[in-house]
Amino acid sequence: MPYERITSLPDGVKNNLPKHAQEIYKEAYNSAWNEYKNPQDRRWDSSREEVSHRVAWSAVEKKYEKDAEGNWWEK
């Protein structure tokens, strides 16, 4: 299900990513949720939710990287 605001994101996202990265995550997730509604558009029998989370993390990783301590920093 799409996220209306960043406060409704999963704890793993809210507790680890900076606010801007959370916004990227939310927008990418919601976009993927709409794009991959048809099962035939997804790979490996993945659920709509799984695909949307993978797309969202990929979008975050284009702008942010994780350091050795596990903190996320803008590239």
C-alpha atoms as a PDB file:
ATOM      1  CA  MET A   1       0.000   0.000   0.000  1.00  0.00           C
ATOM      2  CA  PRO A   2       1.378   3.459  -0.843  1.00  0.00           C
ATOM      3  CA  TYR A   3       2.678   5.742   1.883  1.00  0.00           C
ATOM      4  CA  GLU A   4       0.952   9.098   2.359  1.00  0.00           C
ATOM      5  CA  ARG A   5       3.721  10.618   4.499  1.00  0.00           C
ATOM      6  CA  ILE A   6       7.209   9.740   5.675  1.00  0.00           C
ATOM      7  CA  THR A   7       5.950   9.146   9.221  1.00  0.00           C
ATOM      8  CA  SER A   8       4.143   6.054   7.937  1.00  0.00           C
ATOM      9  CA  LEU A   9       7.282   4.481   6.428  1.00  0.00           C
ATOM     10  CA  PRO A  10       8.634   1.245   7.958  1.00  0.00           C
ATOM     11  CA  ASP A  11      10.745   1.704  11.101  1.00  0.00           C
ATOM     12  CA  GLY A  12      13.852   0.446   9.296  1.00  0.00           C
ATOM     13  CA  VAL A  13      13.547   3.359   6.889  1.00  0.00           C
ATOM     14  CA  LYS A  14      12.498   6.023   9.401  1.00  0.00           C
ATOM     15  CA  ASN A  15      15.145   5.088  11.959  1.00  0.00           C
ATOM     16  CA  ASN A  16      18.070   4.861   9.551  1.00  0.00           C
ATOM     17  CA  LEU A  17      17.668   7.330   6.718  1.00  0.00           C
ATOM     18  CA  PRO A  18      17.920  11.126   6.795  1.00  0.00           C
ATOM     19  CA  LYS A  19      14.691  13.005   6.067  1.00  0.00           C
ATOM     20  CA  HIS A  20      15.544  13.750   2.425  1.00  0.00           C
ATOM     21  CA  ALA A  21      16.341  10.081   1.809  1.00  0.00           C
ATOM     22  CA  GLN A  22      13.020   9.132   3.412  1.00  0.00           C
ATOM     23  CA  GLU A  23      11.244  11.447   0.990  1.00  0.00           C
ATOM     24  CA  ILE A  24      13.067   9.808  -1.930  1.00  0.00           C
ATOM     25  CA  TYR A  25      12.110   6.382  -0.583  1.00  0.00           C
ATOM     26  CA  LYS A  26       8.426   7.305  -0.233  1.00  0.00           C
ATOM     27  CA  GLU A  27       8.156   8.784  -3.710  1.00  0.00           C
ATOM     28  CA  ALA A  28       9.983   5.888  -5.367  1.00  0.00           C
ATOM     29  CA  TYR A  29       7.936   3.314  -3.446  1.00  0.00           C
ATOM     30  CA  ASN A  30       4.646   4.946  -4.402  1.00  0.00           C
ATOM     31  CA  SER A  31       5.683   5.236  -8.034  1.00  0.00           C
ATOM     32  CA  ALA A  32       6.719   1.565  -8.176  1.00  0.00           C
ATOM     33  CA  TRP A  33       3.495   0.549  -6.419  1.00  0.00           C
ATOM     34  CA  ASN A  34       1.565   2.098  -9.309  1.00  0.00           C
ATOM     35  CA  GLU A  35       3.901   0.877 -12.035  1.00  0.00           C
ATOM     36  CA  TYR A  36       4.050  -2.781 -10.949  1.00  0.00           C
ATOM     37  CA  LYS A  37       0.391  -3.424 -10.135  1.00  0.00           C
ATOM     38  CA  ASN A  38       0.194  -6.188 -12.752  1.00  0.00           C
ATOM     39  CA  PRO A  39       1.946  -9.421 -11.699  1.00  0.00           C
ATOM     40  CA  GLN A  40       3.259 -10.012 -15.219  1.00  0.00           C
ATOM     41  CA  ASP A  41       5.281  -6.782 -14.920  1.00  0.00           C
ATOM     42  CA  ARG A  42       7.240  -8.182 -11.946  1.00  0.00           C
ATOM     43  CA  ARG A  43      10.152 -10.625 -11.910  1.00  0.00           C
ATOM     44  CA  TRP A  44      10.628 -13.816  -9.927  1.00  0.00           C
ATOM     45  CA  ASP A  45       7.048 -14.018  -8.607  1.00  0.00           C
ATOM     46  CA  SER A  46       7.781 -11.050  -6.349  1.00  0.00           C
ATOM     47  CA  SER A  47       4.900  -9.367  -4.618  1.00  0.00           C
ATOM     48  CA  ARG A  48       3.948  -5.811  -5.460  1.00  0.00           C
ATOM     49  CA  GLU A  49       5.213  -4.723  -2.049  1.00  0.00           C
ATOM     50  CA  GLU A  50       8.589  -6.493  -2.455  1.00  0.00           C
ATOM     51  CA  VAL A  51       9.190  -4.872  -5.831  1.00  0.00           C
ATOM     52  CA  SER A  52       8.199  -1.450  -4.518  1.00  0.00           C
ATOM     53  CA  HIS A  53      10.612  -1.712  -1.571  1.00  0.00           C
ATOM     54  CA  ARG A  54      13.464  -2.810  -3.862  1.00  0.00           C
ATOM     55  CA  VAL A  55      12.818   0.105  -6.216  1.00  0.00           C
ATOM     56  CA  ALA A  56      12.670   2.526  -3.286  1.00  0.00           C
ATOM     57  CA  TRP A  57      15.984   1.355  -1.804  1.00  0.00           C
ATOM     58  CA  SER A  58      17.595   1.558  -5.231  1.00  0.00           C
ATOM     59  CA  ALA A  59      16.428   5.163  -5.588  1.00  0.00           C
ATOM     60  CA  VAL A  60      17.899   6.045  -2.186  1.00  0.00           C
ATOM     61  CA  GLU A  61      21.213   4.382  -3.055  1.00  0.00           C
ATOM     62  CA  LYS A  62      21.558   6.595  -6.134  1.00  0.00           C
ATOM     63  CA  LYS A  63      21.818   9.688  -3.885  1.00  0.00           C
ATOM     64  CA  TYR A  64      23.064   8.257  -0.584  1.00  0.00           C
ATOM     65  CA  GLU A  65      25.698   5.808   0.548  1.00  0.00           C
ATOM     66  CA  LYS A  66      26.251   3.948   3.780  1.00  0.00           C
ATOM     67  CA  ASP A  67      29.493   4.457   5.711  1.00  0.00           C
ATOM     68  CA  ALA A  68      31.405   1.854   7.752  1.00  0.00           C
ATOM     69  CA  GLU A  69      29.344   2.638  10.863  1.00  0.00           C
ATOM     70  CA  GLY A  70      26.072   2.128   8.993  1.00  0.00           C
ATOM     71  CA  ASN A  71      25.138   5.808   8.671  1.00  0.00           C
ATOM     72  CA  TRP A  72      23.671   7.118   5.421  1.00  0.00           C
ATOM     73  CA  TRP A  73      25.314  10.133   3.788  1.00  0.00           C
ATOM     74  CA  GLU A  74      24.504  12.072   0.644  1.00  0.00           C
ATOM     75  CA  LYS A  75      26.972  11.311  -2.149  1.00  0.00           C
END
